[in-house]
Amino acid sequence: MIKGFTEAKNDEEVDTLTVEYDGKQYVNVSDYPDMADLLAITDFLITDYSSSAGDFALTGKPMVLAAFDKEAYMKHCRRFAIDIEEPGFIVAKNQNELMQIVQTYTDEDYAESCKKVLQFYGERETGKSAEEICRRIHAFYQSLGRNK
């Protein structure tokens, strides 16, 4: 089981979040330069209001939004285009909720959340996006009388 979050200042300000699990420590990688690399190797994502949450939903892997400072963020930074809970994300409002979610949610809970998020955004992933783009570009050039 997860023993706890070993480094966290408070619900509003989390500089480094280290989680200990089965004697191993997992560290916040917020400063890594390429998010796509991180998402590819991530088994469980805990994020804030990042658009990476929508991208990660495509993997079907467990994910939780840590919205500890949602009210302050909206008051001092900006508003959200949509309520972050509307698409179906699992949202923790504080450290205790995050711990409860991580300890009690099942793979089925996370899979259902990903499914709702993808349905909300109208996901149409087929695995053939590049092929479709090339087909459309080719058709466009042919419509202009260019066969190249």
C-alpha atoms as a PDB file:
ATOM      1  CA  MET A   1       0.000   0.000   0.000  1.00  0.00           C
ATOM      2  CA  ILE A   2       0.952   3.600  -0.319  1.00  0.00           C
ATOM      3  CA  LYS A   3       2.507   4.768   2.913  1.00  0.00           C
ATOM      4  CA  GLY A   4       1.836   8.438   2.310  1.00  0.00           C
ATOM      5  CA  PHE A   5       2.949  11.609   0.729  1.00  0.00           C
ATOM      6  CA  THR A   6       6.281  12.250   2.357  1.00  0.00           C
ATOM      7  CA  GLU A   7       6.932  15.816   1.195  1.00  0.00           C
ATOM      8  CA  ALA A   8       4.144  18.318   0.862  1.00  0.00           C
ATOM      9  CA  LYS A   9       3.856  21.768   2.393  1.00  0.00           C
ATOM     10  CA  ASN A  10       0.060  22.027   2.390  1.00  0.00           C
ATOM     11  CA  ASP A  11      -2.972  21.724   0.129  1.00  0.00           C
ATOM     12  CA  GLU A  12      -2.338  25.047  -1.589  1.00  0.00           C
ATOM     13  CA  GLU A  13       1.381  24.756  -2.206  1.00  0.00           C
ATOM     14  CA  VAL A  14       3.013  21.470  -3.160  1.00  0.00           C
ATOM     15  CA  ASP A  15       6.583  22.026  -4.308  1.00  0.00           C
ATOM     16  CA  THR A  16       7.813  18.447  -4.414  1.00  0.00           C
ATOM     17  CA  LEU A  17       5.562  15.480  -4.026  1.00  0.00           C
ATOM     18  CA  THR A  18       7.318  12.240  -3.244  1.00  0.00           C
ATOM     19  CA  VAL A  19       5.247   9.103  -2.829  1.00  0.00           C
ATOM     20  CA  GLU A  20       6.633   5.989  -1.194  1.00  0.00           C
ATOM     21  CA  TYR A  21       5.194   2.703  -2.437  1.00  0.00           C
ATOM     22  CA  ASP A  22       6.573  -0.768  -1.742  1.00  0.00           C
ATOM     23  CA  GLY A  23       9.821   0.716  -0.492  1.00  0.00           C
ATOM     24  CA  LYS A  24      10.362   2.757  -3.658  1.00  0.00           C
ATOM     25  CA  GLN A  25      10.057   6.502  -4.021  1.00  0.00           C
ATOM     26  CA  TYR A  26       8.392   8.244  -6.922  1.00  0.00           C
ATOM     27  CA  VAL A  27       9.226  11.875  -7.537  1.00  0.00           C
ATOM     28  CA  ASN A  28       7.457  14.821  -9.104  1.00  0.00           C
ATOM     29  CA  VAL A  29       8.900  15.345 -12.617  1.00  0.00           C
ATOM     30  CA  SER A  30       7.293  18.717 -13.345  1.00  0.00           C
ATOM     31  CA  ASP A  31      10.541  20.191 -14.683  1.00  0.00           C
ATOM     32  CA  TYR A  32      11.206  17.476 -17.280  1.00  0.00           C
ATOM     33  CA  PRO A  33      11.251  19.176 -20.719  1.00  0.00           C
ATOM     34  CA  ASP A  34       9.135  16.760 -22.808  1.00  0.00           C
ATOM     35  CA  MET A  35       5.718  15.877 -21.464  1.00  0.00           C
ATOM     36  CA  ALA A  36       5.078  13.356 -24.270  1.00  0.00           C
ATOM     37  CA  ASP A  37       8.014  11.252 -23.024  1.00  0.00           C
ATOM     38  CA  LEU A  38       6.632  11.285 -19.510  1.00  0.00           C
ATOM     39  CA  LEU A  39       3.094  10.374 -20.526  1.00  0.00           C
ATOM     40  CA  ALA A  40       4.411   7.419 -22.534  1.00  0.00           C
ATOM     41  CA  ILE A  41       6.091   5.883 -19.476  1.00  0.00           C
ATOM     42  CA  THR A  42       3.540   6.913 -16.839  1.00  0.00           C
ATOM     43  CA  ASP A  43       1.447   4.227 -15.170  1.00  0.00           C
ATOM     44  CA  PHE A  44      -0.567   6.574 -12.938  1.00  0.00           C
ATOM     45  CA  LEU A  45      -0.882  10.322 -13.485  1.00  0.00           C
ATOM     46  CA  ILE A  46      -1.549  12.853 -10.756  1.00  0.00           C
ATOM     47  CA  THR A  47      -1.764  16.284 -12.350  1.00  0.00           C
ATOM     48  CA  ASP A  48      -3.378  19.660 -11.865  1.00  0.00           C
ATOM     49  CA  TYR A  49      -5.187  21.606 -14.579  1.00  0.00           C
ATOM     50  CA  SER A  50      -2.813  20.598 -17.332  1.00  0.00           C
ATOM     51  CA  SER A  51      -4.106  19.707 -20.776  1.00  0.00           C
ATOM     52  CA  SER A  52      -1.957  16.592 -20.395  1.00  0.00           C
ATOM     53  CA  ALA A  53      -4.903  15.067 -18.523  1.00  0.00           C
ATOM     54  CA  GLY A  54      -6.928  14.958 -21.738  1.00  0.00           C
ATOM     55  CA  ASP A  55      -3.987  13.472 -23.612  1.00  0.00           C
ATOM     56  CA  PHE A  56      -3.404  10.897 -20.893  1.00  0.00           C
ATOM     57  CA  ALA A  57      -7.054   9.814 -20.977  1.00  0.00           C
ATOM     58  CA  LEU A  58      -6.275   8.267 -24.377  1.00  0.00           C
ATOM     59  CA  THR A  59      -4.066   5.709 -22.599  1.00  0.00           C
ATOM     60  CA  GLY A  60      -6.905   4.459 -20.391  1.00  0.00           C
ATOM     61  CA  LYS A  61      -4.497   4.443 -17.438  1.00  0.00           C
ATOM     62  CA  PRO A  62      -5.351   5.718 -13.948  1.00  0.00           C
ATOM     63  CA  MET A  63      -5.349   9.479 -13.482  1.00  0.00           C
ATOM     64  CA  VAL A  64      -6.423  11.950 -10.792  1.00  0.00           C
ATOM     65  CA  LEU A  65      -6.621  15.723 -10.997  1.00  0.00           C
ATOM     66  CA  ALA A  66      -5.189  17.308  -7.847  1.00  0.00           C
ATOM     67  CA  ALA A  67      -7.292  20.463  -7.653  1.00  0.00           C
ATOM     68  CA  PHE A  68      -6.083  21.580  -4.243  1.00  0.00           C
ATOM     69  CA  ASP A  69      -6.032  25.280  -5.155  1.00  0.00           C
ATOM     70  CA  LYS A  70      -8.929  25.439  -7.619  1.00  0.00           C
ATOM     71  CA  GLU A  71     -10.712  28.368  -5.969  1.00  0.00           C
ATOM     72  CA  ALA A  72      -7.535  30.450  -5.578  1.00  0.00           C
ATOM     73  CA  TYR A  73      -6.456  29.580  -9.132  1.00  0.00           C
ATOM     74  CA  MET A  74      -9.771  30.756 -10.544  1.00  0.00           C
ATOM     75  CA  LYS A  75      -9.728  33.923  -8.436  1.00  0.00           C
ATOM     76  CA  HIS A  76      -6.137  34.976  -9.124  1.00  0.00           C
ATOM     77  CA  CYS A  77      -5.118  33.330 -12.394  1.00  0.00           C
ATOM     78  CA  ARG A  78      -7.935  32.550 -14.754  1.00  0.00           C
ATOM     79  CA  ARG A  79     -11.206  30.766 -15.143  1.00  0.00           C
ATOM     80  CA  PHE A  80     -11.633  27.394 -16.795  1.00  0.00           C
ATOM     81  CA  ALA A  81     -13.393  27.082 -20.138  1.00  0.00           C
ATOM     82  CA  ILE A  82     -15.363  24.229 -18.538  1.00  0.00           C
ATOM     83  CA  ASP A  83     -15.723  22.931 -15.008  1.00  0.00           C
ATOM     84  CA  ILE A  84     -12.859  20.418 -14.646  1.00  0.00           C
ATOM     85  CA  GLU A  85     -15.215  17.849 -13.136  1.00  0.00           C
ATOM     86  CA  GLU A  86     -17.716  18.001 -16.014  1.00  0.00           C
ATOM     87  CA  PRO A  87     -15.781  15.768 -18.452  1.00  0.00           C
ATOM     88  CA  GLY A  88     -15.595  12.944 -15.905  1.00  0.00           C
ATOM     89  CA  PHE A  89     -12.119  13.419 -14.458  1.00  0.00           C
ATOM     90  CA  ILE A  90     -11.562  12.036 -10.972  1.00  0.00           C
ATOM     91  CA  VAL A  91     -10.793  15.130  -8.904  1.00  0.00           C
ATOM     92  CA  ALA A  92      -9.209  15.369  -5.446  1.00  0.00           C
ATOM     93  CA  LYS A  93      -9.783  18.656  -3.647  1.00  0.00           C
ATOM     94  CA  ASN A  94      -7.127  18.079  -0.964  1.00  0.00           C
ATOM     95  CA  GLN A  95      -4.403  15.684   0.193  1.00  0.00           C
ATOM     96  CA  ASN A  96      -6.817  13.500   2.157  1.00  0.00           C
ATOM     97  CA  GLU A  97      -9.127  13.035  -0.835  1.00  0.00           C
ATOM     98  CA  LEU A  98      -6.139  12.211  -3.024  1.00  0.00           C
ATOM     99  CA  MET A  99      -4.962   9.553  -0.584  1.00  0.00           C
ATOM    100  CA  GLN A 100      -8.475   8.094  -0.351  1.00  0.00           C
ATOM    101  CA  ILE A 101      -8.823   7.948  -4.140  1.00  0.00           C
ATOM    102  CA  VAL A 102      -5.413   6.362  -4.663  1.00  0.00           C
ATOM    103  CA  GLN A 103      -6.061   3.765  -1.967  1.00  0.00           C
ATOM    104  CA  THR A 104      -9.649   2.820  -2.807  1.00  0.00           C
ATOM    105  CA  TYR A 105     -10.381   3.375  -6.494  1.00  0.00           C
ATOM    106  CA  THR A 106     -10.261   0.330  -8.744  1.00  0.00           C
ATOM    107  CA  ASP A 107      -8.983  -0.114 -12.276  1.00  0.00           C
ATOM    108  CA  GLU A 108     -12.624  -0.112 -13.348  1.00  0.00           C
ATOM    109  CA  ASP A 109     -13.194   3.285 -11.693  1.00  0.00           C
ATOM    110  CA  TYR A 110     -10.271   4.778 -13.596  1.00  0.00           C
ATOM    111  CA  ALA A 111     -11.272   3.120 -16.883  1.00  0.00           C
ATOM    112  CA  GLU A 112     -14.809   4.505 -16.539  1.00  0.00           C
ATOM    113  CA  SER A 113     -13.410   7.974 -15.855  1.00  0.00           C
ATOM    114  CA  CYS A 114     -11.207   7.821 -18.988  1.00  0.00           C
ATOM    115  CA  LYS A 115     -14.178   6.635 -21.034  1.00  0.00           C
ATOM    116  CA  LYS A 116     -16.312   9.573 -19.824  1.00  0.00           C
ATOM    117  CA  VAL A 117     -13.534  12.083 -20.534  1.00  0.00           C
ATOM    118  CA  LEU A 118     -13.020  10.771 -24.061  1.00  0.00           C
ATOM    119  CA  GLN A 119     -16.764  10.788 -24.738  1.00  0.00           C
ATOM    120  CA  PHE A 120     -17.009  14.352 -23.434  1.00  0.00           C
ATOM    121  CA  TYR A 121     -14.288  15.563 -25.796  1.00  0.00           C
ATOM    122  CA  GLY A 122     -15.622  13.554 -28.720  1.00  0.00           C
ATOM    123  CA  GLU A 123     -12.511  11.415 -29.145  1.00  0.00           C
ATOM    124  CA  ARG A 124     -12.240   9.834 -32.567  1.00  0.00           C
ATOM    125  CA  GLU A 125      -8.868   8.101 -32.277  1.00  0.00           C
ATOM    126  CA  THR A 126      -8.486   5.346 -34.845  1.00  0.00           C
ATOM    127  CA  GLY A 127      -4.734   4.838 -34.842  1.00  0.00           C
ATOM    128  CA  LYS A 128      -4.631   6.030 -38.441  1.00  0.00           C
ATOM    129  CA  SER A 129      -4.581   9.824 -38.008  1.00  0.00           C
ATOM    130  CA  ALA A 130      -1.377  10.412 -40.004  1.00  0.00           C
ATOM    131  CA  GLU A 131      -2.703   8.286 -42.868  1.00  0.00           C
ATOM    132  CA  GLU A 132      -5.960  10.264 -42.908  1.00  0.00           C
ATOM    133  CA  ILE A 133      -4.127  13.614 -42.913  1.00  0.00           C
ATOM    134  CA  CYS A 134      -1.966  12.494 -45.843  1.00  0.00           C
ATOM    135  CA  ARG A 135      -5.060  11.301 -47.713  1.00  0.00           C
ATOM    136  CA  ARG A 136      -6.773  14.657 -47.198  1.00  0.00           C
ATOM    137  CA  ILE A 137      -3.721  16.656 -48.267  1.00  0.00           C
ATOM    138  CA  HIS A 138      -3.366  14.507 -51.383  1.00  0.00           C
ATOM    139  CA  ALA A 139      -7.079  14.947 -52.197  1.00  0.00           C
ATOM    140  CA  PHE A 140      -6.767  18.708 -51.705  1.00  0.00           C
ATOM    141  CA  TYR A 141      -3.853  18.973 -54.134  1.00  0.00           C
ATOM    142  CA  GLN A 142      -5.674  16.792 -56.642  1.00  0.00           C
ATOM    143  CA  SER A 143      -8.672  19.141 -56.423  1.00  0.00           C
ATOM    144  CA  LEU A 144      -6.324  21.966 -57.428  1.00  0.00           C
ATOM    145  CA  GLY A 145      -5.179  19.993 -60.450  1.00  0.00           C
ATOM    146  CA  ARG A 146      -1.846  19.079 -58.893  1.00  0.00           C
ATOM    147  CA  ASN A 147      -1.065  15.369 -58.869  1.00  0.00           C
ATOM    148  CA  LYS A 148       2.055  15.524 -56.726  1.00  0.00           C
END
